[in-house]
Each structure stands twice: as C-alpha cells, then as structure tokens.
Amino acid sequence: MREELVAKRYLCAKIAGPLILEYYLLVSPLAEDLEIYGVKIVERRSGVAAIAPGLTTSGRKILHLIDLLSKGTVTPTSLADIVEDWL
C-alpha cells in the first residue's frame, strides 16, 4: 500500500490548541491493472492516525471523499463514522 498526501489543514482549537490534520490517499493493488483506494487521517501534534483502506476502485470518488473530509476538518477519531455514512 502506498500513501499520497492530498490535503493538510491547520486548526486552532480553544481547548486542545493548534492542530495539524493531514489527509492521505491510500492506494493498494487489487488486480493486474486495478487499484483500490482508501483514506488515512493523521493529527500531527499527537500522532493519532486512522485509516479506512479499500473503500472504492474509483479515483474520482475517493478524491471527492478526501476533499469533503478535509473541508469538514474531520479528525482521526471520527473517520470511521463518517466513512460508514459515506458508504
């Protein structure tokens, strides 16, 4: 599986302080000429990360999902719930 950084967001949370969220595209081979895509979110300051591998074979759909996640500043803690609703 390979990872590609797609987006980075900087937040200033009142209680937790500054957060840096990184959104990665996960790419895994599925068949000879087919790949399956997933998402990884990392909160850089704490090192907390969450992954949702193998979500779709559509590059367009996964990039749209990553865009929605980053615009909504989704954290690693809530990734699973958001992905479940997306599926």
PDB file of N, CA and C in Angstrom:
ATOM      1  N   MET A   1       0.853  -1.173   0.000  1.00  0.00           N
ATOM      2  CA  MET A   1       0.000   0.000   0.000  1.00  0.00           C
ATOM      3  C   MET A   1       0.899   1.237   0.000  1.00  0.00           C
ATOM      4  N   ARG A   2       0.528   2.195  -0.825  1.00  0.00           N
ATOM      5  CA  ARG A   2       1.277   3.450  -0.808  1.00  0.00           C
ATOM      6  C   ARG A   2       0.360   4.581  -0.354  1.00  0.00           C
ATOM      7  N   GLU A   3       0.980   5.633   0.169  1.00  0.00           N
ATOM      8  CA  GLU A   3       0.249   6.788   0.681  1.00  0.00           C
ATOM      9  C   GLU A   3       0.672   8.036  -0.073  1.00  0.00           C
ATOM     10  N   GLU A   4      -0.292   8.887  -0.380  1.00  0.00           N
ATOM     11  CA  GLU A   4      -0.007  10.172  -1.023  1.00  0.00           C
ATOM     12  C   GLU A   4      -0.730  11.265  -0.247  1.00  0.00           C
ATOM     13  N   LEU A   5       0.022  12.253   0.233  1.00  0.00           N
ATOM     14  CA  LEU A   5      -0.586  13.381   0.930  1.00  0.00           C
ATOM     15  C   LEU A   5      -1.415  14.188  -0.067  1.00  0.00           C
ATOM     16  N   VAL A   6      -2.688  14.394   0.264  1.00  0.00           N
ATOM     17  CA  VAL A   6      -3.595  15.105  -0.631  1.00  0.00           C
ATOM     18  C   VAL A   6      -3.952  16.484  -0.074  1.00  0.00           C
ATOM     19  N   ALA A   7      -4.119  16.578   1.241  1.00  0.00           N
ATOM     20  CA  ALA A   7      -4.529  17.856   1.838  1.00  0.00           C
ATOM     21  C   ALA A   7      -3.977  17.971   3.248  1.00  0.00           C
ATOM     22  N   LYS A   8      -3.806  19.209   3.680  1.00  0.00           N
ATOM     23  CA  LYS A   8      -3.349  19.498   5.037  1.00  0.00           C
ATOM     24  C   LYS A   8      -4.159  20.682   5.548  1.00  0.00           C
ATOM     25  N   ARG A   9      -4.654  20.566   6.783  1.00  0.00           N
ATOM     26  CA  ARG A   9      -5.439  21.641   7.391  1.00  0.00           C
ATOM     27  C   ARG A   9      -4.824  22.017   8.737  1.00  0.00           C
ATOM     28  N   TYR A  10      -4.811  23.310   8.995  1.00  0.00           N
ATOM     29  CA  TYR A  10      -4.324  23.849  10.262  1.00  0.00           C
ATOM     30  C   TYR A  10      -5.513  24.434  11.012  1.00  0.00           C
ATOM     31  N   LEU A  11      -5.693  24.012  12.270  1.00  0.00           N
ATOM     32  CA  LEU A  11      -6.808  24.489  13.083  1.00  0.00           C
ATOM     33  C   LEU A  11      -6.292  25.036  14.400  1.00  0.00           C
ATOM     34  N   CYS A  12      -7.021  25.959  14.953  1.00  0.00           N
ATOM     35  CA  CYS A  12      -6.702  26.461  16.281  1.00  0.00           C
ATOM     36  C   CYS A  12      -7.892  26.142  17.175  1.00  0.00           C
ATOM     37  N   ALA A  13      -7.788  25.046  17.923  1.00  0.00           N
ATOM     38  CA  ALA A  13      -8.860  24.636  18.825  1.00  0.00           C
ATOM     39  C   ALA A  13      -8.679  25.337  20.168  1.00  0.00           C
ATOM     40  N   LYS A  14      -9.770  25.818  20.754  1.00  0.00           N
ATOM     41  CA  LYS A  14      -9.689  26.577  22.004  1.00  0.00           C
ATOM     42  C   LYS A  14      -9.072  25.766  23.137  1.00  0.00           C
ATOM     43  N   ILE A  15      -9.484  24.534  23.289  1.00  0.00           N
ATOM     44  CA  ILE A  15      -9.006  23.721  24.408  1.00  0.00           C
ATOM     45  C   ILE A  15      -7.721  22.979  24.053  1.00  0.00           C
ATOM     46  N   ALA A  16      -7.690  22.342  22.916  1.00  0.00           N
ATOM     47  CA  ALA A  16      -6.555  21.491  22.545  1.00  0.00           C
ATOM     48  C   ALA A  16      -5.379  22.268  21.976  1.00  0.00           C
ATOM     49  N   GLY A  17      -5.605  23.496  21.560  1.00  0.00           N
ATOM     50  CA  GLY A  17      -4.533  24.258  20.928  1.00  0.00           C
ATOM     51  C   GLY A  17      -4.482  23.969  19.441  1.00  0.00           C
ATOM     52  N   PRO A  18      -3.370  24.314  18.797  1.00  0.00           N
ATOM     53  CA  PRO A  18      -3.285  24.138  17.339  1.00  0.00           C
ATOM     54  C   PRO A  18      -3.266  22.661  16.926  1.00  0.00           C
ATOM     55  N   LEU A  19      -3.966  22.366  15.851  1.00  0.00           N
ATOM     56  CA  LEU A  19      -3.994  21.015  15.287  1.00  0.00           C
ATOM     57  C   LEU A  19      -3.531  21.080  13.840  1.00  0.00           C
ATOM     58  N   ILE A  20      -2.796  20.068  13.433  1.00  0.00           N
ATOM     59  CA  ILE A  20      -2.420  19.916  12.031  1.00  0.00           C
ATOM     60  C   ILE A  20      -2.986  18.580  11.575  1.00  0.00           C
ATOM     61  N   LEU A  21      -3.921  18.629  10.651  1.00  0.00           N
ATOM     62  CA  LEU A  21      -4.545  17.419  10.120  1.00  0.00           C
ATOM     63  C   LEU A  21      -4.042  17.174   8.710  1.00  0.00           C
ATOM     64  N   GLU A  22      -3.596  15.941   8.455  1.00  0.00           N
ATOM     65  CA  GLU A  22      -3.127  15.549   7.124  1.00  0.00           C
ATOM     66  C   GLU A  22      -4.037  14.452   6.588  1.00  0.00           C
ATOM     67  N   TYR A  23      -4.403  14.588   5.327  1.00  0.00           N
ATOM     68  CA  TYR A  23      -5.323  13.659   4.666  1.00  0.00           C
ATOM     69  C   TYR A  23      -4.582  12.960   3.534  1.00  0.00           C
ATOM     70  N   TYR A  24      -4.522  11.638   3.605  1.00  0.00           N
ATOM     71  CA  TYR A  24      -3.762  10.847   2.648  1.00  0.00           C
ATOM     72  C   TYR A  24      -4.671   9.962   1.809  1.00  0.00           C
ATOM     73  N   LEU A  25      -4.305   9.800   0.561  1.00  0.00           N
ATOM     74  CA  LEU A  25      -4.896   8.812  -0.329  1.00  0.00           C
ATOM     75  C   LEU A  25      -4.108   7.524  -0.137  1.00  0.00           C
ATOM     76  N   LEU A  26      -4.804   6.423   0.117  1.00  0.00           N
ATOM     77  CA  LEU A  26      -4.177   5.107   0.209  1.00  0.00           C
ATOM     78  C   LEU A  26      -4.457   4.355  -1.088  1.00  0.00           C
ATOM     79  N   VAL A  27      -3.422   3.761  -1.649  1.00  0.00           N
ATOM     80  CA  VAL A  27      -3.564   3.041  -2.916  1.00  0.00           C
ATOM     81  C   VAL A  27      -3.008   1.634  -2.741  1.00  0.00           C
ATOM     82  N   SER A  28      -3.835   0.633  -3.020  1.00  0.00           N
ATOM     83  CA  SER A  28      -3.420  -0.768  -2.935  1.00  0.00           C
ATOM     84  C   SER A  28      -3.745  -1.473  -4.240  1.00  0.00           C
ATOM     85  N   PRO A  29      -2.860  -2.366  -4.690  1.00  0.00           N
ATOM     86  CA  PRO A  29      -3.172  -3.141  -5.890  1.00  0.00           C
ATOM     87  C   PRO A  29      -4.313  -4.118  -5.595  1.00  0.00           C
ATOM     88  N   LEU A  30      -5.212  -4.260  -6.551  1.00  0.00           N
ATOM     89  CA  LEU A  30      -6.344  -5.165  -6.384  1.00  0.00           C
ATOM     90  C   LEU A  30      -6.257  -6.317  -7.377  1.00  0.00           C
ATOM     91  N   ALA A  31      -5.951  -6.005  -8.609  1.00  0.00           N
ATOM     92  CA  ALA A  31      -5.764  -6.990  -9.669  1.00  0.00           C
ATOM     93  C   ALA A  31      -4.668  -6.448 -10.582  1.00  0.00           C
ATOM     94  N   GLU A  32      -4.426  -7.109 -11.681  1.00  0.00           N
ATOM     95  CA  GLU A  32      -3.316  -6.735 -12.557  1.00  0.00           C
ATOM     96  C   GLU A  32      -3.303  -5.248 -12.908  1.00  0.00           C
ATOM     97  N   ASP A  33      -4.398  -4.712 -13.389  1.00  0.00           N
ATOM     98  CA  ASP A  33      -4.458  -3.298 -13.774  1.00  0.00           C
ATOM     99  C   ASP A  33      -5.489  -2.521 -12.962  1.00  0.00           C
ATOM    100  N   LEU A  34      -5.754  -2.972 -11.742  1.00  0.00           N
ATOM    101  CA  LEU A  34      -6.798  -2.349 -10.936  1.00  0.00           C
ATOM    102  C   LEU A  34      -6.265  -2.012  -9.552  1.00  0.00           C
ATOM    103  N   GLU A  35      -6.630  -0.833  -9.066  1.00  0.00           N
ATOM    104  CA  GLU A  35      -6.229  -0.408  -7.727  1.00  0.00           C
ATOM    105  C   GLU A  35      -7.477  -0.111  -6.910  1.00  0.00           C
ATOM    106  N   ILE A  36      -7.339  -0.256  -5.593  1.00  0.00           N
ATOM    107  CA  ILE A  36      -8.424   0.093  -4.680  1.00  0.00           C
ATOM    108  C   ILE A  36      -7.900   1.178  -3.751  1.00  0.00           C
ATOM    109  N   TYR A  37      -8.779   2.123  -3.434  1.00  0.00           N
ATOM    110  CA  TYR A  37      -8.355   3.326  -2.723  1.00  0.00           C
ATOM    111  C   TYR A  37      -8.996   3.432  -1.345  1.00  0.00           C
ATOM    112  N   GLY A  38      -8.271   4.070  -0.463  1.00  0.00           N
ATOM    113  CA  GLY A  38      -8.759   4.343   0.879  1.00  0.00           C
ATOM    114  C   GLY A  38      -8.249   5.691   1.351  1.00  0.00           C
ATOM    115  N   VAL A  39      -8.446   5.941   2.647  1.00  0.00           N
ATOM    116  CA  VAL A  39      -8.122   7.238   3.241  1.00  0.00           C
ATOM    117  C   VAL A  39      -7.375   7.028   4.554  1.00  0.00           C
ATOM    118  N   LYS A  40      -6.467   7.942   4.836  1.00  0.00           N
ATOM    119  CA  LYS A  40      -5.785   7.984   6.133  1.00  0.00           C
ATOM    120  C   LYS A  40      -5.788   9.428   6.604  1.00  0.00           C
ATOM    121  N   ILE A  41      -6.091   9.626   7.890  1.00  0.00           N
ATOM    122  CA  ILE A  41      -6.017  10.954   8.503  1.00  0.00           C
ATOM    123  C   ILE A  41      -5.032  10.881   9.658  1.00  0.00           C
ATOM    124  N   VAL A  42      -4.130  11.858   9.718  1.00  0.00           N
ATOM    125  CA  VAL A  42      -3.144  11.933  10.799  1.00  0.00           C
ATOM    126  C   VAL A  42      -3.248  13.302  11.454  1.00  0.00           C
ATOM    127  N   GLU A  43      -3.294  13.298  12.789  1.00  0.00           N
ATOM    128  CA  GLU A  43      -3.187  14.545  13.545  1.00  0.00           C
ATOM    129  C   GLU A  43      -1.727  14.621  13.986  1.00  0.00           C
ATOM    130  N   ARG A  44      -0.974  15.497  13.380  1.00  0.00           N
ATOM    131  CA  ARG A  44       0.485  15.544  13.515  1.00  0.00           C
ATOM    132  C   ARG A  44       0.979  15.790  14.932  1.00  0.00           C
ATOM    133  N   ARG A  45       0.340  16.668  15.675  1.00  0.00           N
ATOM    134  CA  ARG A  45       0.849  17.017  17.002  1.00  0.00           C
ATOM    135  C   ARG A  45       0.831  15.823  17.951  1.00  0.00           C
ATOM    136  N   SER A  46      -0.271  15.081  17.958  1.00  0.00           N
ATOM    137  CA  SER A  46      -0.402  13.936  18.862  1.00  0.00           C
ATOM    138  C   SER A  46       0.075  12.634  18.230  1.00  0.00           C
ATOM    139  N   GLY A  47       0.113  12.598  16.896  1.00  0.00           N
ATOM    140  CA  GLY A  47       0.473  11.371  16.202  1.00  0.00           C
ATOM    141  C   GLY A  47      -0.688  10.409  16.015  1.00  0.00           C
ATOM    142  N   VAL A  48      -1.869  10.786  16.464  1.00  0.00           N
ATOM    143  CA  VAL A  48      -3.051   9.933  16.315  1.00  0.00           C
ATOM    144  C   VAL A  48      -3.396   9.826  14.833  1.00  0.00           C
ATOM    145  N   ALA A  49      -3.674   8.599  14.402  1.00  0.00           N
ATOM    146  CA  ALA A  49      -3.998   8.356  12.993  1.00  0.00           C
ATOM    147  C   ALA A  49      -5.142   7.357  12.899  1.00  0.00           C
ATOM    148  N   ALA A  50      -5.851   7.415  11.790  1.00  0.00           N
ATOM    149  CA  ALA A  50      -6.905   6.446  11.492  1.00  0.00           C
ATOM    150  C   ALA A  50      -6.873   6.163  10.004  1.00  0.00           C
ATOM    151  N   ILE A  51      -7.128   4.903   9.647  1.00  0.00           N
ATOM    152  CA  ILE A  51      -7.168   4.541   8.235  1.00  0.00           C
ATOM    153  C   ILE A  51      -8.490   3.854   7.902  1.00  0.00           C
ATOM    154  N   ALA A  52      -8.887   4.038   6.666  1.00  0.00           N
ATOM    155  CA  ALA A  52     -10.052   3.358   6.109  1.00  0.00           C
ATOM    156  C   ALA A  52      -9.616   2.850   4.735  1.00  0.00           C
ATOM    157  N   PRO A  53      -8.997   1.671   4.685  1.00  0.00           N
ATOM    158  CA  PRO A  53      -8.496   1.154   3.411  1.00  0.00           C
ATOM    159  C   PRO A  53      -9.600   0.490   2.593  1.00  0.00           C
ATOM    160  N   GLY A  54      -9.328   0.323   1.311  1.00  0.00           N
ATOM    161  CA  GLY A  54     -10.199  -0.469   0.448  1.00  0.00           C
ATOM    162  C   GLY A  54     -11.629   0.006   0.323  1.00  0.00           C
ATOM    163  N   LEU A  55     -11.832   1.302   0.151  1.00  0.00           N
ATOM    164  CA  LEU A  55     -13.197   1.836   0.084  1.00  0.00           C
ATOM    165  C   LEU A  55     -13.809   1.801  -1.306  1.00  0.00           C
ATOM    166  N   THR A  56     -13.017   2.043  -2.339  1.00  0.00           N
ATOM    167  CA  THR A  56     -13.565   2.144  -3.696  1.00  0.00           C
ATOM    168  C   THR A  56     -12.459   1.940  -4.730  1.00  0.00           C
ATOM    169  N   THR A  57     -12.859   1.556  -5.925  1.00  0.00           N
ATOM    170  CA  THR A  57     -11.905   1.472  -7.040  1.00  0.00           C
ATOM    171  C   THR A  57     -11.965   2.725  -7.908  1.00  0.00           C
ATOM    172  N   SER A  58     -12.788   3.674  -7.517  1.00  0.00           N
ATOM    173  CA  SER A  58     -12.944   4.921  -8.276  1.00  0.00           C
ATOM    174  C   SER A  58     -12.036   6.014  -7.708  1.00  0.00           C
ATOM    175  N   GLY A  59     -11.063   6.431  -8.499  1.00  0.00           N
ATOM    176  CA  GLY A  59     -10.188   7.515  -8.083  1.00  0.00           C
ATOM    177  C   GLY A  59     -10.948   8.811  -7.884  1.00  0.00           C
ATOM    178  N   ARG A  60     -11.919   9.064  -8.725  1.00  0.00           N
ATOM    179  CA  ARG A  60     -12.725  10.283  -8.625  1.00  0.00           C
ATOM    180  C   ARG A  60     -13.510  10.317  -7.317  1.00  0.00           C
ATOM    181  N   LYS A  61     -14.123   9.191  -6.946  1.00  0.00           N
ATOM    182  CA  LYS A  61     -14.925   9.140  -5.721  1.00  0.00           C
ATOM    183  C   LYS A  61     -14.067   9.317  -4.475  1.00  0.00           C
ATOM    184  N   ILE A  62     -12.903   8.686  -4.449  1.00  0.00           N
ATOM    185  CA  ILE A  62     -12.080   8.776  -3.242  1.00  0.00           C
ATOM    186  C   ILE A  62     -11.499  10.171  -3.082  1.00  0.00           C
ATOM    187  N   LEU A  63     -11.131  10.814  -4.190  1.00  0.00           N
ATOM    188  CA  LEU A  63     -10.620  12.185  -4.086  1.00  0.00           C
ATOM    189  C   LEU A  63     -11.719  13.148  -3.642  1.00  0.00           C
ATOM    190  N   HIS A  64     -12.942  12.891  -4.074  1.00  0.00           N
ATOM    191  CA  HIS A  64     -14.076  13.701  -3.611  1.00  0.00           C
ATOM    192  C   HIS A  64     -14.283  13.502  -2.105  1.00  0.00           C
ATOM    193  N   LEU A  65     -14.196  12.256  -1.643  1.00  0.00           N
ATOM    194  CA  LEU A  65     -14.336  11.977  -0.211  1.00  0.00           C
ATOM    195  C   LEU A  65     -13.244  12.690   0.582  1.00  0.00           C
ATOM    196  N   ILE A  66     -12.004  12.603   0.127  1.00  0.00           N
ATOM    197  CA  ILE A  66     -10.903  13.265   0.837  1.00  0.00           C
ATOM    198  C   ILE A  66     -11.129  14.773   0.873  1.00  0.00           C
ATOM    199  N   ASP A  67     -11.634  15.335  -0.204  1.00  0.00           N
ATOM    200  CA  ASP A  67     -11.940  16.763  -0.236  1.00  0.00           C
ATOM    201  C   ASP A  67     -13.004  17.108   0.811  1.00  0.00           C
ATOM    202  N   LEU A  68     -14.048  16.302   0.895  1.00  0.00           N
ATOM    203  CA  LEU A  68     -15.095  16.530   1.893  1.00  0.00           C
ATOM    204  C   LEU A  68     -14.547  16.403   3.312  1.00  0.00           C
ATOM    205  N   LEU A  69     -13.709  15.391   3.540  1.00  0.00           N
ATOM    206  CA  LEU A  69     -13.121  15.187   4.866  1.00  0.00           C
ATOM    207  C   LEU A  69     -12.264  16.373   5.278  1.00  0.00           C
ATOM    208  N   SER A  70     -11.438  16.843   4.354  1.00  0.00           N
ATOM    209  CA  SER A  70     -10.537  17.946   4.696  1.00  0.00           C
ATOM    210  C   SER A  70     -11.300  19.258   4.873  1.00  0.00           C
ATOM    211  N   LYS A  71     -12.283  19.516   4.031  1.00  0.00           N
ATOM    212  CA  LYS A  71     -13.078  20.741   4.183  1.00  0.00           C
ATOM    213  C   LYS A  71     -13.886  20.725   5.476  1.00  0.00           C
ATOM    214  N   GLY A  72     -14.289  19.542   5.911  1.00  0.00           N
ATOM    215  CA  GLY A  72     -15.023  19.402   7.168  1.00  0.00           C
ATOM    216  C   GLY A  72     -14.119  19.237   8.371  1.00  0.00           C
ATOM    217  N   THR A  73     -12.813  19.291   8.153  1.00  0.00           N
ATOM    218  CA  THR A  73     -11.786  19.096   9.194  1.00  0.00           C
ATOM    219  C   THR A  73     -12.094  17.879  10.070  1.00  0.00           C
ATOM    220  N   VAL A  74     -12.389  16.765   9.401  1.00  0.00           N
ATOM    221  CA  VAL A  74     -12.647  15.510  10.093  1.00  0.00           C
ATOM    222  C   VAL A  74     -11.350  15.032  10.735  1.00  0.00           C
ATOM    223  N   THR A  75     -11.440  14.606  11.988  1.00  0.00           N
ATOM    224  CA  THR A  75     -10.277  14.132  12.734  1.00  0.00           C
ATOM    225  C   THR A  75     -10.185  12.609  12.658  1.00  0.00           C
ATOM    226  N   PRO A  76      -9.037  12.047  13.051  1.00  0.00           N
ATOM    227  CA  PRO A  76      -8.913  10.586  13.039  1.00  0.00           C
ATOM    228  C   PRO A  76      -9.990   9.897  13.876  1.00  0.00           C
ATOM    229  N   THR A  77     -10.379  10.511  14.970  1.00  0.00           N
ATOM    230  CA  THR A  77     -11.364   9.915  15.871  1.00  0.00           C
ATOM    231  C   THR A  77     -12.711   9.684  15.196  1.00  0.00           C
ATOM    232  N   SER A  78     -13.103  10.569  14.302  1.00  0.00           N
ATOM    233  CA  SER A  78     -14.430  10.450  13.687  1.00  0.00           C
ATOM    234  C   SER A  78     -14.415   9.866  12.275  1.00  0.00           C
ATOM    235  N   LEU A  79     -13.249   9.474  11.777  1.00  0.00           N
ATOM    236  CA  LEU A  79     -13.169   8.961  10.405  1.00  0.00           C
ATOM    237  C   LEU A  79     -14.086   7.763  10.177  1.00  0.00           C
ATOM    238  N   ALA A  80     -14.079   6.787  11.069  1.00  0.00           N
ATOM    239  CA  ALA A  80     -14.874   5.568  10.867  1.00  0.00           C
ATOM    240  C   ALA A  80     -16.362   5.884  10.729  1.00  0.00           C
ATOM    241  N   ASP A  81     -16.877   6.770  11.566  1.00  0.00           N
ATOM    242  CA  ASP A  81     -18.300   7.127  11.498  1.00  0.00           C
ATOM    243  C   ASP A  81     -18.642   7.822  10.188  1.00  0.00           C
ATOM    244  N   ILE A  82     -17.786   8.723   9.753  1.00  0.00           N
ATOM    245  CA  ILE A  82     -18.031   9.459   8.511  1.00  0.00           C
ATOM    246  C   ILE A  82     -17.999   8.511   7.313  1.00  0.00           C
ATOM    247  N   VAL A  83     -17.019   7.623   7.287  1.00  0.00           N
ATOM    248  CA  VAL A  83     -16.895   6.667   6.179  1.00  0.00           C
ATOM    249  C   VAL A  83     -18.099   5.729   6.151  1.00  0.00           C
ATOM    250  N   GLU A  84     -18.555   5.295   7.311  1.00  0.00           N
ATOM    251  CA  GLU A  84     -19.731   4.417   7.370  1.00  0.00           C
ATOM    252  C   GLU A  84     -20.946   5.102   6.750  1.00  0.00           C
ATOM    253  N   ASP A  85     -21.133   6.372   7.047  1.00  0.00           N
ATOM    254  CA  ASP A  85     -22.244   7.121   6.452  1.00  0.00           C
ATOM    255  C   ASP A  85     -22.049   7.302   4.949  1.00  0.00           C
ATOM    256  N   TRP A  86     -20.801   7.492   4.524  1.00  0.00           N
ATOM    257  CA  TRP A  86     -20.487   7.705   3.107  1.00  0.00           C
ATOM    258  C   TRP A  86     -20.771   6.451   2.277  1.00  0.00           C
ATOM    259  N   LEU A  87     -20.493   5.285   2.871  1.00  0.00           N
ATOM    260  CA  LEU A  87     -20.721   4.035   2.144  1.00  0.00           C
ATOM    261  C   LEU A  87     -22.211   3.782   2.044  1.00  0.00           C
TER     262      LEU A  87
END
